[in-house]
Amino acid sequence: MTLTPEAVLPDDAAAALLVARVHEPEWDGPCVAAIRAGHAVDLTAHAPTVSDLLERDDAHRLVRDAEGGRRWPLAELLAATAAGRRDVPHLLAPVDLQVIKAAGVTFAESLMERVIEERTGGDPSLAARTRERLAASVGAVTAIRPGSPEAAKAKEILQADGLWSQYLEVGIGPDPEVFTKAPVLSAVGTGAPIGVLASSGWNNPEPEAVLAVDSRGRMRGALLGNDVNLRDVEGRSALLLPRAKDNNASCALGPFLRLFDDRFGPDDVRELEIGLEVTGTDGFVLHGSSSLRRISRDIGDLVAAVHGDHHQHPDGFVLFTGTLFAPTEDRDAPGEGFTHHEGDVVRISSPRLGTLVNTVTTSEAAPPWEYGLRRLMRSLAGRGVL
């Protein structure tokens, strides 16, 4: 993989407030950095973590103007990251202490695919036939506003016909599906391998917009994410969601966190078009997209479902908002749809947020997750920035 600044930066990078994390081997730890004029500028003396930065009302000024410490050429960081070099400075996922949450079944079009996974028990060979059978009876309800009286009436009818599903409950019911995607500090960034379990035979990327929210529940920025999904595992039972979603290297975030300002804010997220390209070593190419304009639940409602009087997040959180994308294009056998091959290069992109690039491997073969909270605290304390 080759990564360049031009390949990953948003189209309006010169005006964007972009936050990165740089691992500096000399300090055995990450640095909070601002992306300015082709460099990552160390801001750790001002904000030791990204979580701390997002708590500050002057975060915009710090990222735009604050005098920084060390500077790293972005091109060198990207080259090192893509090459898997961990002995030199390289990029990390641009979040740290925030809880990593995800909302599921937030798009009507992908709702049908979740029902299909359930009805087939995770068997991809049954997907095409099941899709045809459910299209008329279940597909019609996907236009209903979640939580509305019409949704409640549709539930009664589908229950009477034996067609109700736990996915329809969270798709059109009053409460969204929200789950913990990954542990704190476990996400990988752009240029890193992403992992699917070696035992999985039906899986796919999930290109999503991800919100960065502070401890007061304020949306402070956005970034791209890949909510890697194992369709065969979740299809066997929704109780296996943690097994399907939370594995080594199964959560990718990046390439940078873009702070909200007068040029880019929540309303711009609501208009985002997110593109996906998967390129395999076998010559297979898959294109997809997800449009936030077609989301069933507003992003503000999703944030409110995570944070409020019912649940607090003292270090903030990031929230995957769901995806419209659910691949049905056949790759290996007719009727079985898409699944990853090892070596697939996944590019998730949006003009306002840049491009997140990762290569698929197994979770077992991906670099093990070894850098946790104790090691982070030791590094920051050793630098005297706590």
Foldseek 3Di string as FASTA:
>chain_A
DADACVQFAFPPNQPFFWWWWKQAVVLRAIFIFTDHDQKTFGPCLVPVFVLRLLVDPCSVCCNVPNHGDDIDGPNVQRRCLLVVNPNHMHTWFRHFQAFAKEWELQFLLCLLVLLLLQVVLLFLLCRVVVSVVCCPLPVVCSVAFAQDPVLVVSQVVCVVVVNDDPSSCQNRYPHTDMDGQEGGPQEGEFSFAAAAAPPADAWDWFKFKKFWAHQVLDGFWIWIKTQTFRSNQCNNDVVCRCVGGYFHRNIYIDPTTTTDDPVDDLVNNLAWKKKKWKQAPVRDIDIDIFGSVRGSDRPSVVSVSADDPVDTTNSTHMYTHYGSDDFACDDPDPSSTDDDDFQIWMWMATSNHTIGIHGYDHSVPGPGDDDDDVSNVVSCVVVVSD
